[in-house]
Amino acid sequence: MPYALPQYASPQSGRSHTRLTAVDTSASDRPESGLLAALRPQEQALLARYCTDCQLDSGTEIYRRGDTVEYCYLPAGPALCCYFVELDDGTEIEAMLIGREGALGGVASQGVMSAYARAGVLQGGMFQRIALRDLEAAKRVSPAIAGLFARYADCMMAQMFQSIACNAAHSIEQRAAKWLEAAVQRTGGNSVTMTQEQLAAMMGIGRSYASRVLQGFKREGLLRTRRGGIEVLDRRGLQSRACACNRKVSAHFGQALGGVYTAA
C-alpha cells in the first residue's frame, strides 16, 4: 500500500534570511542528495511529493542562532554548508561541514525548534527543502525514513566528537589538510569555494597562519589557490598531511549509512 501523508499548508517562516530560487532540472542532470539516495524508491517517492528543489548561492544564510527552524535543507551535488558557533568576542568557528551526505534542520528534533548555531552556504548549489511538519509526518508513516534520519543524527554526533578531539590535539597544518580533504570528498570534485580568510575564520586561527599553511601546500604541489576558491591538485599528498579524523568519520558514515559520505 502506498504511503499517504496528511494534507495541509506548510508553515511560512516569520523571519527568513534564505533567498530561494526555483530549479527546473531533468532527471538526467538533477543533482542528488546522497542521504535521500540511501532510501528505497518508495521512500524516496514519498518524500519527493513534499520536497522543493531550490538554488542557494555561496554566502547565503539559512538560519541564525535563535531563528525558528521550520524547514529541513538537504544539499545535493557539490553544495556545501557549515554550522558556525559564535564566541563571546563575536568570532565564529566552524562546528560542522555538511554536504550531500547530510541535512540541516530538524534532523533529530520532533517538530519546530529554535536554531542553536548559524547555518550558512559555503559552496552554492541545489538543495531539497521540506517543511518539518511534512518530514515528521513522513517519519511517522515510514520507519525506514525515521531510521535514516536517526542514523544520520548519530553520524552528526560522531563528527562533532571527532572535531572536538581534532581541534584539541592536532596541528593547524593537519587540521587544514583534513578540512580540505573532507570538503572535496563531499563535492566529488577537486575544488571548493573558499578564501584564505574564510578558511582561517572557520578554523579559528589568524589569517597569517592559514596563509602560511596554504603556501606550504602550494610549494609541495598539493593545491593551488584562485580567486574565491582552492583547487586540490594532489589528493593523496594532501591526505598524507592530514590527520586521520576525516577518515574515521567517513568510516562511521559507511557503517551507519552505507557510504553516503562519499557517494557520487
Protein backbone atom coordinates (compact mmCIF):
# COMPACT_ATOMS: atom_id res chain seq x y z
CA MET A 1 0.00 0.00 0.00
CA PRO A 2 1.45 3.41 -0.89
CA TYR A 3 2.25 5.82 1.92
CA ALA A 4 -0.03 8.81 2.44
CA LEU A 5 0.73 11.98 4.37
CA PRO A 6 -1.91 14.33 5.78
CA GLN A 7 -2.66 17.34 3.59
CA TYR A 8 -2.08 20.83 4.96
CA ALA A 9 -0.33 24.03 4.05
CA SER A 10 3.34 24.12 5.02
CA PRO A 11 4.13 26.80 7.63
CA GLN A 12 5.74 30.02 6.50
CA SER A 13 8.76 31.31 8.38
CA GLY A 14 8.22 34.51 10.26
CA ARG A 15 11.80 35.64 9.60
CA SER A 16 13.84 34.21 6.76
CA HIS A 17 17.37 35.01 5.66
CA THR A 18 17.28 32.49 2.83
CA ARG A 19 16.70 33.54 -0.76
CA LEU A 20 15.15 30.70 -2.73
CA THR A 21 15.45 30.26 -6.47
CA ALA A 22 13.27 27.63 -8.10
CA VAL A 23 15.17 24.98 -10.04
CA ASP A 24 13.89 23.09 -13.05
CA THR A 25 16.17 20.16 -13.89
CA SER A 26 15.59 16.97 -15.81
CA ALA A 27 16.07 13.62 -14.12
CA SER A 28 19.30 13.01 -16.04
CA ASP A 29 21.18 16.10 -14.81
CA ARG A 30 19.48 16.67 -11.48
CA PRO A 31 21.95 16.82 -8.56
CA GLU A 32 21.18 14.24 -5.90
CA SER A 33 21.03 14.21 -2.12
CA GLY A 34 23.23 11.31 -1.07
CA LEU A 35 21.24 10.95 2.15
CA LEU A 36 17.90 10.54 0.39
CA ALA A 37 19.51 8.28 -2.23
CA ALA A 38 20.14 5.77 0.58
CA LEU A 39 16.38 5.19 0.79
CA ARG A 40 14.43 2.68 -1.28
CA PRO A 41 12.49 4.07 -4.27
CA GLN A 42 9.17 4.01 -2.41
CA GLU A 43 10.51 6.12 0.45
CA GLN A 44 12.20 8.48 -1.99
CA ALA A 45 8.89 8.89 -3.82
CA LEU A 46 7.11 9.64 -0.55
CA LEU A 47 9.49 12.47 0.35
CA ALA A 48 9.67 13.74 -3.23
CA ARG A 49 6.00 14.73 -3.01
CA TYR A 50 6.85 17.26 -0.31
CA CYS A 51 10.39 18.33 -1.23
CA THR A 52 11.06 21.51 -3.20
CA ASP A 53 14.22 22.00 -5.25
CA CYS A 54 15.90 25.35 -4.74
CA GLN A 55 19.19 27.02 -5.61
CA LEU A 56 21.18 28.66 -2.81
CA ASP A 57 24.21 30.80 -3.58
CA SER A 58 27.52 30.80 -1.71
CA GLY A 59 27.25 33.04 1.34
CA THR A 60 23.51 32.52 1.81
CA GLU A 61 22.49 32.43 5.47
CA ILE A 62 19.98 29.65 6.12
CA TYR A 63 19.47 30.09 9.87
CA ARG A 64 20.69 32.48 12.52
CA ARG A 65 21.06 31.46 16.14
CA GLY A 66 17.62 31.70 17.75
CA ASP A 67 15.68 31.51 14.47
CA THR A 68 12.69 29.21 14.39
CA VAL A 69 13.69 26.26 12.21
CA GLU A 70 10.68 25.24 10.14
CA TYR A 71 12.40 23.59 7.18
CA CYS A 72 14.96 20.88 6.62
CA TYR A 73 17.51 21.52 3.84
CA LEU A 74 19.35 18.70 2.08
CA PRO A 75 22.39 19.72 -0.01
CA ALA A 76 22.62 17.99 -3.39
CA GLY A 77 25.54 17.50 -5.74
CA PRO A 78 28.55 19.67 -4.82
CA ALA A 79 26.66 22.06 -2.50
CA LEU A 80 28.34 22.57 0.89
CA CYS A 81 27.09 24.12 4.14
CA CYS A 82 28.55 24.82 7.55
CA TYR A 83 27.30 25.33 11.07
CA PHE A 84 29.02 28.21 12.86
CA VAL A 85 29.18 28.79 16.63
CA GLU A 86 29.70 32.37 17.83
CA LEU A 87 32.10 33.06 20.70
CA ASP A 88 31.91 35.88 23.27
CA ASP A 89 34.09 38.19 21.18
CA GLY A 90 31.95 37.71 18.08
CA THR A 91 34.35 35.27 16.42
CA GLU A 92 32.61 32.44 14.60
CA ILE A 93 34.08 28.94 14.48
CA GLU A 94 33.03 26.26 12.02
CA ALA A 95 31.42 23.46 14.01
CA MET A 96 30.37 21.08 11.25
CA LEU A 97 30.67 20.70 7.49
CA ILE A 98 27.66 19.28 5.67
CA GLY A 99 27.36 18.20 2.06
CA ARG A 100 25.26 15.78 0.06
CA GLU A 101 25.66 13.17 2.80
CA GLY A 102 23.52 15.15 5.22
CA ALA A 103 20.85 17.65 6.13
CA LEU A 104 20.36 20.86 8.10
CA GLY A 105 17.47 21.44 10.49
CA GLY A 106 15.05 19.06 12.11
CA VAL A 107 17.28 16.02 11.88
CA ALA A 108 16.80 14.85 15.46
CA SER A 109 14.11 17.18 16.87
CA GLN A 110 10.48 16.21 16.57
CA GLY A 111 8.94 19.40 15.27
CA VAL A 112 9.81 23.08 15.14
CA MET A 113 12.74 24.21 17.30
CA SER A 114 14.99 27.26 17.59
CA ALA A 115 18.42 27.16 15.96
CA TYR A 116 21.42 26.94 18.29
CA ALA A 117 24.06 27.75 15.66
CA ARG A 118 24.16 29.78 12.48
CA ALA A 119 23.93 27.77 9.26
CA GLY A 120 25.30 29.14 6.00
CA VAL A 121 26.08 28.03 2.47
CA LEU A 122 29.79 27.64 1.78
CA GLN A 123 29.54 26.39 -1.80
CA GLY A 124 26.35 27.16 -3.65
CA GLY A 125 24.26 24.61 -5.45
CA MET A 126 20.94 22.83 -5.43
CA PHE A 127 19.12 21.90 -2.22
CA GLN A 128 16.00 19.97 -1.46
CA ARG A 129 13.78 21.64 1.12
CA ILE A 130 10.98 20.04 3.13
CA ALA A 131 8.80 21.53 5.88
CA LEU A 132 9.48 19.89 9.24
CA ARG A 133 5.79 19.07 9.67
CA ASP A 134 5.93 17.09 6.43
CA LEU A 135 9.18 15.41 7.42
CA GLU A 136 7.83 14.40 10.83
CA ALA A 137 4.68 13.03 9.21
CA ALA A 138 6.83 11.01 6.80
CA LYS A 139 8.84 9.63 9.73
CA ARG A 140 5.64 8.52 11.45
CA VAL A 141 4.34 6.57 8.45
CA SER A 142 7.72 5.20 7.31
CA PRO A 143 10.06 3.50 9.79
CA ALA A 144 12.73 3.49 7.06
CA ILE A 145 12.71 7.30 6.83
CA ALA A 146 12.70 7.65 10.62
CA GLY A 147 15.60 5.21 10.86
CA LEU A 148 17.60 7.02 8.18
CA PHE A 149 17.42 10.36 9.98
CA ALA A 150 18.13 8.72 13.35
CA ARG A 151 21.27 7.11 11.94
CA TYR A 152 22.30 10.39 10.38
CA ALA A 153 21.85 12.13 13.76
CA ASP A 154 24.22 9.54 15.22
CA CYS A 155 26.74 10.31 12.45
CA MET A 156 26.47 14.03 13.22
CA MET A 157 27.34 13.31 16.85
CA ALA A 158 30.32 11.21 15.75
CA GLN A 159 31.50 14.06 13.52
CA MET A 160 31.22 16.54 16.40
CA PHE A 161 33.08 14.26 18.82
CA GLN A 162 35.90 13.78 16.32
CA SER A 163 36.07 17.52 15.63
CA ILE A 164 36.44 18.32 19.34
CA ALA A 165 39.29 15.84 19.68
CA CYS A 166 40.92 17.06 16.46
CA ASN A 167 40.88 20.72 17.48
CA ALA A 168 42.45 19.84 20.82
CA ALA A 169 45.19 17.51 19.61
CA HIS A 170 46.22 18.19 16.03
CA SER A 171 48.32 20.87 14.37
CA ILE A 172 46.98 23.67 12.19
CA GLU A 173 48.54 22.01 9.15
CA GLN A 174 46.86 18.68 9.90
CA ARG A 175 43.51 20.33 10.51
CA ALA A 176 43.69 22.42 7.33
CA ALA A 177 44.55 19.37 5.24
CA LYS A 178 41.77 17.41 6.92
CA TRP A 179 39.24 20.16 6.28
CA LEU A 180 40.13 20.42 2.58
CA GLU A 181 40.13 16.63 2.25
CA ALA A 182 36.63 16.47 3.74
CA ALA A 183 35.36 19.30 1.52
CA VAL A 184 36.48 17.82 -1.80
CA GLN A 185 35.37 14.38 -0.71
CA ARG A 186 31.85 15.69 -0.30
CA THR A 187 31.75 17.74 -3.50
CA GLY A 188 33.06 14.89 -5.62
CA GLY A 189 35.45 17.27 -7.41
CA ASN A 190 38.80 18.88 -6.68
CA SER A 191 37.71 22.45 -5.96
CA VAL A 192 35.93 24.19 -3.12
CA THR A 193 34.63 27.75 -2.91
CA MET A 194 36.83 29.05 -0.12
CA THR A 195 39.14 32.01 0.50
CA GLN A 196 42.11 32.06 2.85
CA GLU A 197 40.17 34.40 5.14
CA GLN A 198 37.23 32.01 5.28
CA LEU A 199 39.45 29.02 5.99
CA ALA A 200 41.14 30.92 8.81
CA ALA A 201 37.82 32.01 10.32
CA MET A 202 36.34 28.55 10.12
CA MET A 203 39.37 27.00 11.82
CA GLY A 204 39.52 29.73 14.46
CA ILE A 205 43.05 30.81 13.52
CA GLY A 206 44.65 34.00 12.24
CA ARG A 207 44.73 34.68 8.52
CA SER A 208 48.55 34.69 8.56
CA TYR A 209 48.59 31.12 9.91
CA ALA A 210 46.18 29.94 7.24
CA SER A 211 48.18 31.73 4.55
CA ARG A 212 51.44 30.09 5.64
CA VAL A 213 49.88 26.63 5.64
CA LEU A 214 48.34 27.08 2.20
CA GLN A 215 51.58 28.50 0.81
CA GLY A 216 53.38 25.42 2.10
CA PHE A 217 50.84 23.14 0.43
CA LYS A 218 51.23 25.12 -2.81
CA ARG A 219 55.04 24.74 -2.76
CA GLU A 220 54.59 20.99 -2.39
CA GLY A 221 52.23 20.92 -5.37
CA LEU A 222 49.27 19.78 -3.28
CA LEU A 223 46.92 22.62 -4.27
CA ARG A 224 46.60 25.98 -5.90
CA THR A 225 44.51 28.98 -4.96
CA ARG A 226 42.36 31.04 -7.29
CA ARG A 227 40.07 33.98 -6.77
CA GLY A 228 37.49 32.83 -4.23
CA GLY A 229 38.49 29.19 -4.29
CA ILE A 230 41.02 26.42 -3.64
CA GLU A 231 41.77 23.59 -6.06
CA VAL A 232 43.33 20.38 -4.78
CA LEU A 233 45.94 19.00 -7.23
CA ASP A 234 47.21 16.01 -5.25
CA ARG A 235 44.56 14.41 -3.07
CA ARG A 236 46.81 11.57 -1.92
CA GLY A 237 49.51 14.02 -0.95
CA LEU A 238 47.02 16.23 0.89
CA GLN A 239 45.64 13.21 2.73
CA SER A 240 49.15 12.28 3.84
CA ARG A 241 49.45 15.69 5.52
CA ALA A 242 46.06 15.41 7.23
CA CYS A 243 45.22 13.69 10.49
CA ALA A 244 43.05 10.56 10.34
CA CYS A 245 39.94 12.31 11.70
CA ASN A 246 38.13 12.68 8.39
CA ARG A 247 38.75 9.03 7.54
CA LYS A 248 37.36 7.94 10.91
CA VAL A 249 34.20 10.00 10.36
CA SER A 250 33.86 8.65 6.82
CA ALA A 251 34.20 5.08 8.11
CA HIS A 252 31.44 5.65 10.67
CA PHE A 253 29.16 7.05 7.95
CA GLY A 254 29.90 3.91 5.94
CA GLN A 255 28.87 1.66 8.82
CA ALA A 256 25.74 3.61 9.71
CA LEU A 257 24.53 4.81 6.31
CA GLY A 258 26.11 2.60 3.69
CA GLY A 259 28.74 5.05 2.46
CA VAL A 260 26.64 8.13 1.63
CA TYR A 261 29.58 10.28 2.80
CA THR A 262 31.42 9.60 -0.44
CA ALA A 263 28.53 8.56 -2.72
CA ALA A 264 28.61 10.11 -6.16
